[in-house]
Amino acid sequence: MLLHVIARGKIGRSPEAELVARYEKRLTWPFKLTELPDSGGKMPEPQPQSRTVLLDEKGKDLSSEQFAEALGRWRDEGVREVRFLIGAADGHSDAERAEADLLVAYGKATWPHLLARAMLMEQLYRATAILAGHPYHRAG
């Protein structure tokens, strides 16, 4: 199952970019990162059998185990791609929220989108480690 992060804004050379790269190297699942401009740009077409997750302030505050459970369930159902959308500063529209399969928030705080991208990458790595029975989850 492809983990596809679609993010508004360019991460460039930054401490957040180093964190994203660190977790991307550790992922054993297929992964793709698509960066779009802050506004506009063409959203990539979803694969058939895909799910969409929005990182959104109105989302659920899931534990790492709950997040892993959702990924594992989708994998087992034959989902081919999970798209994780990180919006620009103004967030996602109500229409985007309504179309998403899952809204996820990292607590009640507002996070910069570059830091949210690094946090998502760590949670993707942690979720795949949980599903593989790897000890990283308890060591981290």
C-alpha atoms as a PDB file:
ATOM      1  CA  MET A   1       0.000   0.000   0.000  1.00  0.00           C
ATOM      2  CA  LEU A   2       1.423   3.350  -1.050  1.00  0.00           C
ATOM      3  CA  LEU A   3       1.701   6.046   1.631  1.00  0.00           C
ATOM      4  CA  HIS A   4       1.385   9.316  -0.313  1.00  0.00           C
ATOM      5  CA  VAL A   5       1.968  12.609   1.499  1.00  0.00           C
ATOM      6  CA  ILE A   6       0.620  15.594  -0.436  1.00  0.00           C
ATOM      7  CA  ALA A   7       1.720  18.829   1.176  1.00  0.00           C
ATOM      8  CA  ARG A   8       1.270  22.494   0.417  1.00  0.00           C
ATOM      9  CA  GLY A   9       4.495  24.486   0.498  1.00  0.00           C
ATOM     10  CA  LYS A  10       8.102  23.606  -0.210  1.00  0.00           C
ATOM     11  CA  ILE A  11      10.108  22.251   2.693  1.00  0.00           C
ATOM     12  CA  GLY A  12      13.487  23.203   1.151  1.00  0.00           C
ATOM     13  CA  ARG A  13      16.595  22.822   3.270  1.00  0.00           C
ATOM     14  CA  SER A  14      15.459  23.034   6.862  1.00  0.00           C
ATOM     15  CA  PRO A  15      15.624  21.112  10.124  1.00  0.00           C
ATOM     16  CA  GLU A  16      12.128  19.787   9.342  1.00  0.00           C
ATOM     17  CA  ALA A  17      13.370  18.506   5.962  1.00  0.00           C
ATOM     18  CA  GLU A  18      16.092  16.540   7.760  1.00  0.00           C
ATOM     19  CA  LEU A  19      13.472  14.893  10.000  1.00  0.00           C
ATOM     20  CA  VAL A  20      11.238  14.073   7.030  1.00  0.00           C
ATOM     21  CA  ALA A  21      14.199  12.518   5.187  1.00  0.00           C
ATOM     22  CA  ARG A  22      15.229  10.526   8.280  1.00  0.00           C
ATOM     23  CA  TYR A  23      11.818   8.872   8.607  1.00  0.00           C
ATOM     24  CA  GLU A  24      11.389   8.431   4.852  1.00  0.00           C
ATOM     25  CA  LYS A  25      14.623   6.376   4.788  1.00  0.00           C
ATOM     26  CA  ARG A  26      13.339   4.180   7.605  1.00  0.00           C
ATOM     27  CA  LEU A  27       9.951   3.436   6.017  1.00  0.00           C
ATOM     28  CA  THR A  28       9.697  -0.034   4.510  1.00  0.00           C
ATOM     29  CA  TRP A  29       6.301   0.609   2.887  1.00  0.00           C
ATOM     30  CA  PRO A  30       6.092   2.290  -0.530  1.00  0.00           C
ATOM     31  CA  PHE A  31       6.166   6.064  -0.066  1.00  0.00           C
ATOM     32  CA  LYS A  32       5.713   9.128  -2.239  1.00  0.00           C
ATOM     33  CA  LEU A  33       5.886  12.837  -1.400  1.00  0.00           C
ATOM     34  CA  THR A  34       4.170  15.428  -3.579  1.00  0.00           C
ATOM     35  CA  GLU A  35       4.765  19.104  -2.835  1.00  0.00           C
ATOM     36  CA  LEU A  36       2.291  21.642  -4.185  1.00  0.00           C
ATOM     37  CA  PRO A  37       2.497  25.445  -4.140  1.00  0.00           C
ATOM     38  CA  ASP A  38       0.773  27.217  -1.234  1.00  0.00           C
ATOM     39  CA  SER A  39      -2.177  27.827  -3.543  1.00  0.00           C
ATOM     40  CA  GLY A  40      -3.141  26.355  -6.894  1.00  0.00           C
ATOM     41  CA  GLY A  41      -1.214  23.510  -8.434  1.00  0.00           C
ATOM     42  CA  LYS A  42      -2.698  20.280  -9.717  1.00  0.00           C
ATOM     43  CA  MET A  43      -3.693  17.733  -7.086  1.00  0.00           C
ATOM     44  CA  PRO A  44      -2.494  14.286  -8.185  1.00  0.00           C
ATOM     45  CA  GLU A  45      -5.263  11.898  -9.189  1.00  0.00           C
ATOM     46  CA  PRO A  46      -5.924   9.195  -6.587  1.00  0.00           C
ATOM     47  CA  GLN A  47      -5.337   5.569  -7.462  1.00  0.00           C
ATOM     48  CA  PRO A  48      -8.373   3.300  -7.535  1.00  0.00           C
ATOM     49  CA  GLN A  49      -9.030   1.897  -4.057  1.00  0.00           C
ATOM     50  CA  SER A  50      -7.528   4.878  -2.221  1.00  0.00           C
ATOM     51  CA  ARG A  51      -8.279   6.601   1.077  1.00  0.00           C
ATOM     52  CA  THR A  52      -7.760  10.256   1.964  1.00  0.00           C
ATOM     53  CA  VAL A  53      -6.574  11.478   5.366  1.00  0.00           C
ATOM     54  CA  LEU A  54      -6.499  15.204   6.122  1.00  0.00           C
ATOM     55  CA  LEU A  55      -4.280  16.629   8.817  1.00  0.00           C
ATOM     56  CA  ASP A  56      -6.805  19.078  10.189  1.00  0.00           C
ATOM     57  CA  GLU A  57      -7.460  20.973  13.418  1.00  0.00           C
ATOM     58  CA  LYS A  58     -11.008  19.543  13.440  1.00  0.00           C
ATOM     59  CA  GLY A  59      -9.712  15.974  13.216  1.00  0.00           C
ATOM     60  CA  LYS A  60      -9.505  13.128  15.697  1.00  0.00           C
ATOM     61  CA  ASP A  61      -6.615  13.009  18.129  1.00  0.00           C
ATOM     62  CA  LEU A  62      -5.607   9.379  17.512  1.00  0.00           C
ATOM     63  CA  SER A  63      -3.099   7.393  19.519  1.00  0.00           C
ATOM     64  CA  SER A  64      -0.252   5.832  17.543  1.00  0.00           C
ATOM     65  CA  GLU A  65      -1.921   2.442  17.984  1.00  0.00           C
ATOM     66  CA  GLN A  66      -5.246   3.743  16.611  1.00  0.00           C
ATOM     67  CA  PHE A  67      -3.449   5.312  13.641  1.00  0.00           C
ATOM     68  CA  ALA A  68      -1.624   2.025  12.969  1.00  0.00           C
ATOM     69  CA  GLU A  69      -4.912   0.139  13.285  1.00  0.00           C
ATOM     70  CA  ALA A  70      -6.506   2.300  10.573  1.00  0.00           C
ATOM     71  CA  LEU A  71      -3.547   1.762   8.223  1.00  0.00           C
ATOM     72  CA  GLY A  72      -3.536  -1.970   8.907  1.00  0.00           C
ATOM     73  CA  ARG A  73      -7.278  -2.246   8.296  1.00  0.00           C
ATOM     74  CA  TRP A  74      -7.013  -0.381   4.974  1.00  0.00           C
ATOM     75  CA  ARG A  75      -4.029  -2.502   3.924  1.00  0.00           C
ATOM     76  CA  ASP A  76      -5.958  -5.672   4.745  1.00  0.00           C
ATOM     77  CA  GLU A  77      -8.997  -4.401   2.796  1.00  0.00           C
ATOM     78  CA  GLY A  78      -6.851  -4.055  -0.337  1.00  0.00           C
ATOM     79  CA  VAL A  79      -6.520  -0.260  -0.352  1.00  0.00           C
ATOM     80  CA  ARG A  80      -3.757   0.627  -2.807  1.00  0.00           C
ATOM     81  CA  GLU A  81      -2.979   4.199  -1.719  1.00  0.00           C
ATOM     82  CA  VAL A  82      -3.526   6.321   1.371  1.00  0.00           C
ATOM     83  CA  ARG A  83      -3.202  10.024   0.635  1.00  0.00           C
ATOM     84  CA  PHE A  84      -2.249  12.280   3.553  1.00  0.00           C
ATOM     85  CA  LEU A  85      -3.060  15.918   2.801  1.00  0.00           C
ATOM     86  CA  ILE A  86      -1.356  18.738   4.662  1.00  0.00           C
ATOM     87  CA  GLY A  87      -2.907  22.089   3.811  1.00  0.00           C
ATOM     88  CA  ALA A  88      -1.441  25.554   3.658  1.00  0.00           C
ATOM     89  CA  ALA A  89      -1.822  28.137   6.432  1.00  0.00           C
ATOM     90  CA  ASP A  90      -5.573  28.500   5.843  1.00  0.00           C
ATOM     91  CA  GLY A  91      -6.184  24.752   6.245  1.00  0.00           C
ATOM     92  CA  HIS A  92      -8.749  22.648   4.382  1.00  0.00           C
ATOM     93  CA  SER A  93     -12.173  23.617   3.070  1.00  0.00           C
ATOM     94  CA  ASP A  94     -15.408  22.166   4.425  1.00  0.00           C
ATOM     95  CA  ALA A  95     -15.834  20.345   1.084  1.00  0.00           C
ATOM     96  CA  GLU A  96     -12.378  18.722   1.427  1.00  0.00           C
ATOM     97  CA  ARG A  97     -13.208  17.681   4.987  1.00  0.00           C
ATOM     98  CA  ALA A  98     -16.517  16.148   3.871  1.00  0.00           C
ATOM     99  CA  GLU A  99     -14.798  14.091   1.134  1.00  0.00           C
ATOM    100  CA  ALA A 100     -11.998  12.770   3.367  1.00  0.00           C
ATOM    101  CA  ASP A 101     -12.064   9.284   4.858  1.00  0.00           C
ATOM    102  CA  LEU A 102     -10.369  10.438   8.066  1.00  0.00           C
ATOM    103  CA  LEU A 103      -9.433  13.744   9.712  1.00  0.00           C
ATOM    104  CA  VAL A 104      -6.447  13.606  12.050  1.00  0.00           C
ATOM    105  CA  ALA A 105      -5.279  16.314  14.473  1.00  0.00           C
ATOM    106  CA  TYR A 106      -2.101  16.402  16.527  1.00  0.00           C
ATOM    107  CA  GLY A 107      -3.779  17.718  19.656  1.00  0.00           C
ATOM    108  CA  LYS A 108      -5.505  21.044  20.109  1.00  0.00           C
ATOM    109  CA  ALA A 109      -2.410  23.122  19.370  1.00  0.00           C
ATOM    110  CA  THR A 110      -1.801  24.685  15.970  1.00  0.00           C
ATOM    111  CA  TRP A 111       1.407  23.413  14.346  1.00  0.00           C
ATOM    112  CA  PRO A 112       3.429  24.928  11.486  1.00  0.00           C
ATOM    113  CA  HIS A 113       2.796  22.866   8.353  1.00  0.00           C
ATOM    114  CA  LEU A 114       6.492  21.922   7.984  1.00  0.00           C
ATOM    115  CA  LEU A 115       6.580  20.591  11.535  1.00  0.00           C
ATOM    116  CA  ALA A 116       3.254  18.784  10.960  1.00  0.00           C
ATOM    117  CA  ARG A 117       4.875  17.092   7.957  1.00  0.00           C
ATOM    118  CA  ALA A 118       7.766  15.864  10.103  1.00  0.00           C
ATOM    119  CA  MET A 119       5.318  14.685  12.784  1.00  0.00           C
ATOM    120  CA  LEU A 120       3.274  12.809  10.174  1.00  0.00           C
ATOM    121  CA  MET A 121       6.391  11.087   8.831  1.00  0.00           C
ATOM    122  CA  GLU A 122       7.340   9.944  12.322  1.00  0.00           C
ATOM    123  CA  GLN A 123       3.821   8.620  12.917  1.00  0.00           C
ATOM    124  CA  LEU A 124       3.852   6.801   9.567  1.00  0.00           C
ATOM    125  CA  TYR A 125       7.127   5.145  10.516  1.00  0.00           C
ATOM    126  CA  ARG A 126       5.824   4.349  14.005  1.00  0.00           C
ATOM    127  CA  ALA A 127       2.563   2.906  12.626  1.00  0.00           C
ATOM    128  CA  THR A 128       4.383   0.642  10.180  1.00  0.00           C
ATOM    129  CA  ALA A 129       6.733  -0.428  13.001  1.00  0.00           C
ATOM    130  CA  ILE A 130       3.728  -1.271  15.198  1.00  0.00           C
ATOM    131  CA  LEU A 131       2.174  -3.310  12.384  1.00  0.00           C
ATOM    132  CA  ALA A 132       5.477  -5.158  11.856  1.00  0.00           C
ATOM    133  CA  GLY A 133       5.841  -5.888  15.594  1.00  0.00           C
ATOM    134  CA  HIS A 134       9.071  -3.836  15.679  1.00  0.00           C
ATOM    135  CA  PRO A 135      10.276  -2.595  19.095  1.00  0.00           C
ATOM    136  CA  TYR A 136      10.698   1.046  17.896  1.00  0.00           C
ATOM    137  CA  HIS A 137       7.197   1.900  19.094  1.00  0.00           C
ATOM    138  CA  ARG A 138       8.070   1.393  22.765  1.00  0.00           C
ATOM    139  CA  ALA A 139      11.621   2.636  22.449  1.00  0.00           C
ATOM    140  CA  GLY A 140      10.630   5.976  20.876  1.00  0.00           C
END
